[in-house]
Amino acid sequence: MALSGPSLPPARGPATHLVVLVHGYGADGQDLIGLAEHWRGLLPTVAFAAPNAPMRVPGSPGYQWFPISRIDPHEMQKGVEVAGPMLDEYLDAELARLGLPPDRLALAGFSQGTMLSLHLGLRRKVKPAAIVGFSGLLPAAPPDSDIPPILLTHGDSDSVIPPQAMFLAANQLGLAGARVQWHLARGMGHGIDPEGLMMAGQFLNLAFSGLLKTSGEAGCVYKPS
């Protein structure tokens, strides 16, 4: 089953890079494609795409990458393993459509989309230039090499996925050699705050410019002021 969803061409010229936005449980691609408008000033030659997940949530107009009955790491791992190949195929098709090599890609996910972005992004043969994860968790132990730069953000009042999930993910990724930045949004629930949105745009700009380190000591973290 081929995925489809909204996309945006670069603000100017042909595409030099691609950001794929991976939505959360019960949402759709239209829910995240609007993030592109916040980043296009920094990323004028970047194309954006936001596929709809392959399954409808029962009784809802929204989509799901995999069913969720509870926030359980084993359940999340099984889910991303099933959903991963479908998104992987979509990424290759979008890169081919734009005539871009696989290292010109970045993934940005929200919630369930973060789980899938981390799982797949860490396992593609050619790793993406960067991964951004909003309000999610790391569903499985990361590989121990060739990990792209990662930015994680989370609300400290998130009642859907607790903020401790971000710190656990950052620690696991750091121990595997990843360069991880993180942002804890004060007073934010399960969502994306303006500072995190701004940081993500800057992070993607640096990644696409080749200015982010991809290896080094245990991972560097960003602490909000």
Protein backbone atom coordinates (compact mmCIF):
# COMPACT_ATOMS: atom_id res chain seq x y z
CA MET A 1 0.00 0.00 0.00
CA ALA A 2 1.58 3.26 -1.16
CA LEU A 3 1.34 6.19 1.24
CA SER A 4 0.13 9.62 0.17
CA GLY A 5 -0.38 13.00 1.78
CA PRO A 6 0.19 16.74 1.42
CA SER A 7 3.50 18.19 0.29
CA LEU A 8 5.06 21.60 -0.28
CA PRO A 9 7.70 22.53 -2.87
CA PRO A 10 10.68 24.67 -1.90
CA ALA A 11 10.05 28.37 -1.38
CA ARG A 12 12.52 28.99 -4.19
CA GLY A 13 14.37 27.01 -6.80
CA PRO A 14 14.69 23.24 -7.12
CA ALA A 15 14.75 21.14 -3.97
CA THR A 16 18.15 20.61 -2.36
CA HIS A 17 16.78 18.66 0.63
CA LEU A 18 13.60 16.99 1.87
CA VAL A 19 11.94 17.06 5.30
CA VAL A 20 9.32 14.37 5.88
CA LEU A 21 6.89 15.14 8.69
CA VAL A 22 5.50 12.05 10.41
CA HIS A 23 2.22 12.69 12.24
CA GLY A 24 0.97 11.22 15.49
CA TYR A 25 -1.81 8.82 16.43
CA GLY A 26 -5.26 9.97 15.30
CA ALA A 27 -3.96 12.80 13.10
CA ASP A 28 -2.99 13.04 9.43
CA GLY A 29 -0.42 14.64 7.17
CA GLN A 30 -2.39 17.88 7.02
CA ASP A 31 -1.96 18.18 10.77
CA LEU A 32 1.83 18.54 10.43
CA ILE A 33 2.45 20.05 6.99
CA GLY A 34 1.74 23.48 8.54
CA LEU A 35 5.03 23.23 10.44
CA ALA A 36 6.79 23.82 7.14
CA GLU A 37 5.57 27.42 7.04
CA HIS A 38 7.52 28.13 10.23
CA TRP A 39 10.75 26.79 8.71
CA ARG A 40 10.67 27.82 5.07
CA GLY A 41 12.39 31.14 5.78
CA LEU A 42 15.39 29.27 7.16
CA LEU A 43 15.07 26.43 4.65
CA PRO A 44 14.01 28.07 1.36
CA THR A 45 15.31 25.28 -0.89
CA VAL A 46 13.83 22.44 1.17
CA ALA A 47 10.79 20.44 0.09
CA PHE A 48 8.34 19.11 2.68
CA ALA A 49 6.06 16.08 2.67
CA ALA A 50 3.67 14.72 5.29
CA PRO A 51 2.24 11.29 4.46
CA ASN A 52 -0.95 9.94 5.98
CA ALA A 53 -0.45 6.76 7.99
CA PRO A 54 -1.86 3.62 6.33
CA MET A 55 -4.68 2.83 8.78
CA ARG A 56 -7.68 4.75 10.07
CA VAL A 57 -8.23 4.92 13.80
CA PRO A 58 -11.50 3.01 14.42
CA GLY A 59 -14.39 5.43 14.85
CA SER A 60 -12.23 8.43 13.95
CA PRO A 61 -11.33 10.32 10.76
CA GLY A 62 -7.66 10.28 11.83
CA TYR A 63 -4.94 7.80 10.94
CA GLN A 64 -2.54 5.58 12.87
CA TRP A 65 0.82 4.07 11.98
CA PHE A 66 -0.01 1.16 14.27
CA PRO A 67 -2.67 0.50 16.94
CA ILE A 68 -1.93 1.65 20.48
CA SER A 69 -3.75 0.27 23.49
CA ARG A 70 -1.22 1.47 26.07
CA ILE A 71 2.15 3.17 26.20
CA ASP A 72 4.24 0.04 26.49
CA PRO A 73 7.76 -0.19 24.99
CA HIS A 74 7.27 -3.74 23.71
CA GLU A 75 4.01 -2.79 21.99
CA MET A 76 5.66 0.30 20.48
CA GLN A 77 8.59 -1.73 19.19
CA LYS A 78 6.32 -4.23 17.45
CA GLY A 79 4.34 -1.37 15.94
CA VAL A 80 7.29 0.49 14.43
CA GLU A 81 8.72 -2.74 13.05
CA VAL A 82 5.47 -3.34 11.15
CA ALA A 83 4.98 0.27 10.00
CA GLY A 84 8.62 0.99 9.18
CA PRO A 85 8.82 -0.63 5.72
CA MET A 86 5.80 1.33 4.44
CA LEU A 87 7.30 4.66 5.45
CA ASP A 88 10.73 3.57 4.18
CA GLU A 89 9.26 2.94 0.73
CA TYR A 90 7.58 6.35 0.80
CA LEU A 91 10.86 8.09 1.69
CA ASP A 92 12.66 6.46 -1.22
CA ALA A 93 9.85 7.39 -3.61
CA GLU A 94 9.82 11.05 -2.52
CA LEU A 95 13.61 11.32 -2.78
CA ALA A 96 13.47 9.80 -6.26
CA ARG A 97 10.66 12.16 -7.29
CA LEU A 98 12.80 15.13 -6.27
CA GLY A 99 16.02 13.70 -7.67
CA LEU A 100 17.74 13.78 -4.27
CA PRO A 101 20.24 11.37 -2.71
CA PRO A 102 19.20 9.68 0.57
CA ASP A 103 21.52 11.78 2.74
CA ARG A 104 19.55 14.94 1.81
CA LEU A 105 16.64 13.76 3.97
CA ALA A 106 15.52 14.71 7.48
CA LEU A 107 12.69 13.22 9.52
CA ALA A 108 10.54 15.20 11.94
CA GLY A 109 7.93 13.30 13.92
CA PHE A 110 5.32 14.02 16.56
CA SER A 111 4.35 11.45 19.24
CA GLN A 112 3.77 8.15 17.42
CA GLY A 113 5.51 9.75 14.45
CA THR A 114 8.57 10.38 16.63
CA MET A 115 8.70 6.69 17.55
CA LEU A 116 8.61 5.72 13.89
CA SER A 117 11.07 8.44 12.80
CA LEU A 118 13.64 7.36 15.39
CA HIS A 119 13.24 3.67 14.64
CA LEU A 120 13.42 3.98 10.88
CA GLY A 121 15.88 6.87 10.71
CA LEU A 122 18.42 4.97 12.80
CA ARG A 123 18.15 1.90 10.57
CA ARG A 124 18.09 3.17 7.00
CA LYS A 125 21.09 2.06 4.96
CA VAL A 126 21.99 5.70 4.33
CA LYS A 127 21.08 7.67 7.44
CA PRO A 128 19.14 10.94 7.20
CA ALA A 129 20.92 14.21 7.82
CA ALA A 130 18.94 14.70 11.05
CA ILE A 131 15.99 13.49 13.09
CA VAL A 132 13.65 15.74 15.10
CA GLY A 133 11.31 14.15 17.62
CA PHE A 134 8.48 16.05 19.32
CA SER A 135 6.74 14.50 22.35
CA GLY A 136 7.68 10.90 21.64
CA LEU A 137 9.80 8.03 22.87
CA LEU A 138 12.51 5.67 21.67
CA PRO A 139 10.75 2.35 20.98
CA ALA A 140 13.82 0.11 20.76
CA ALA A 141 17.50 0.15 21.62
CA PRO A 142 19.43 2.16 19.01
CA PRO A 143 22.22 0.74 16.88
CA ASP A 144 25.71 1.53 18.11
CA SER A 145 27.12 3.35 15.11
CA ASP A 146 26.40 5.87 12.36
CA ILE A 147 23.67 7.76 14.22
CA PRO A 148 22.58 11.12 12.75
CA PRO A 149 22.20 14.28 14.86
CA ILE A 150 18.97 14.19 16.88
CA LEU A 151 16.83 16.87 18.52
CA LEU A 152 14.18 15.84 21.06
CA THR A 153 11.57 18.17 22.58
CA HIS A 154 8.90 17.43 25.18
CA GLY A 155 6.43 19.24 27.39
CA ASP A 156 7.05 18.94 31.11
CA SER A 157 3.27 18.62 31.65
CA ASP A 158 2.70 15.92 29.02
CA SER A 159 0.14 13.43 30.38
CA VAL A 160 0.10 11.23 27.24
CA ILE A 161 3.80 10.37 27.03
CA PRO A 162 5.63 11.44 30.21
CA PRO A 163 8.61 13.77 29.79
CA GLN A 164 10.86 11.15 31.38
CA ALA A 165 10.61 9.35 28.01
CA MET A 166 12.66 12.13 26.42
CA PHE A 167 15.43 11.86 28.99
CA LEU A 168 15.48 8.09 28.72
CA ALA A 169 15.74 8.33 24.94
CA ALA A 170 18.49 10.95 25.14
CA ASN A 171 20.48 8.77 27.54
CA GLN A 172 20.09 5.64 25.43
CA LEU A 173 21.03 7.48 22.25
CA GLY A 174 23.97 9.19 23.93
CA LEU A 175 25.33 5.89 25.20
CA ALA A 176 25.14 4.60 21.62
CA GLY A 177 27.28 7.53 20.48
CA ALA A 178 24.58 9.91 19.24
CA ARG A 179 24.86 13.67 19.40
CA VAL A 180 21.55 14.57 21.06
CA GLN A 181 20.09 17.97 21.79
CA TRP A 182 16.96 18.28 23.91
CA HIS A 183 14.46 20.89 24.98
CA LEU A 184 11.98 20.63 27.88
CA ALA A 185 9.04 22.99 27.39
CA ARG A 186 7.82 24.47 30.67
CA GLY A 187 4.06 24.21 31.20
CA MET A 188 3.52 22.39 27.89
CA GLY A 189 1.36 19.30 27.51
CA HIS A 190 1.34 16.88 24.59
CA GLY A 191 2.24 19.33 21.87
CA ILE A 192 4.89 21.55 20.30
CA ASP A 193 5.83 24.86 21.90
CA PRO A 194 7.08 27.90 19.94
CA GLU A 195 10.64 27.59 21.27
CA GLY A 196 10.83 23.94 20.30
CA LEU A 197 9.49 24.80 16.85
CA MET A 198 12.11 27.53 16.42
CA MET A 199 14.89 25.23 17.66
CA ALA A 200 13.84 22.54 15.19
CA GLY A 201 14.09 24.92 12.24
CA GLN A 202 17.55 26.07 13.32
CA PHE A 203 18.62 22.47 13.95
CA LEU A 204 17.52 21.37 10.47
CA ASN A 205 19.29 24.33 8.90
CA LEU A 206 22.54 23.44 10.67
CA ALA A 207 22.18 19.76 9.78
CA PHE A 208 21.60 20.44 6.10
CA SER A 209 24.58 22.82 6.12
CA GLY A 210 26.80 20.07 7.51
CA LEU A 211 27.47 22.00 10.72
CA LEU A 212 26.29 19.44 13.27
CA LYS A 213 28.68 16.84 14.62
CA THR A 214 27.59 13.24 14.19
CA SER A 215 29.93 11.62 16.68
CA GLY A 216 31.80 12.34 19.86
CA GLU A 217 31.51 11.95 23.58
CA ALA A 218 28.22 10.51 24.85
CA GLY A 219 26.08 13.19 23.23
CA CYS A 220 25.71 16.91 23.75
CA VAL A 221 22.54 18.21 25.33
CA TYR A 222 20.82 21.57 25.19
CA LYS A 223 19.34 22.92 28.40
CA PRO A 224 16.68 25.64 28.06
CA SER A 225 17.29 28.96 29.76
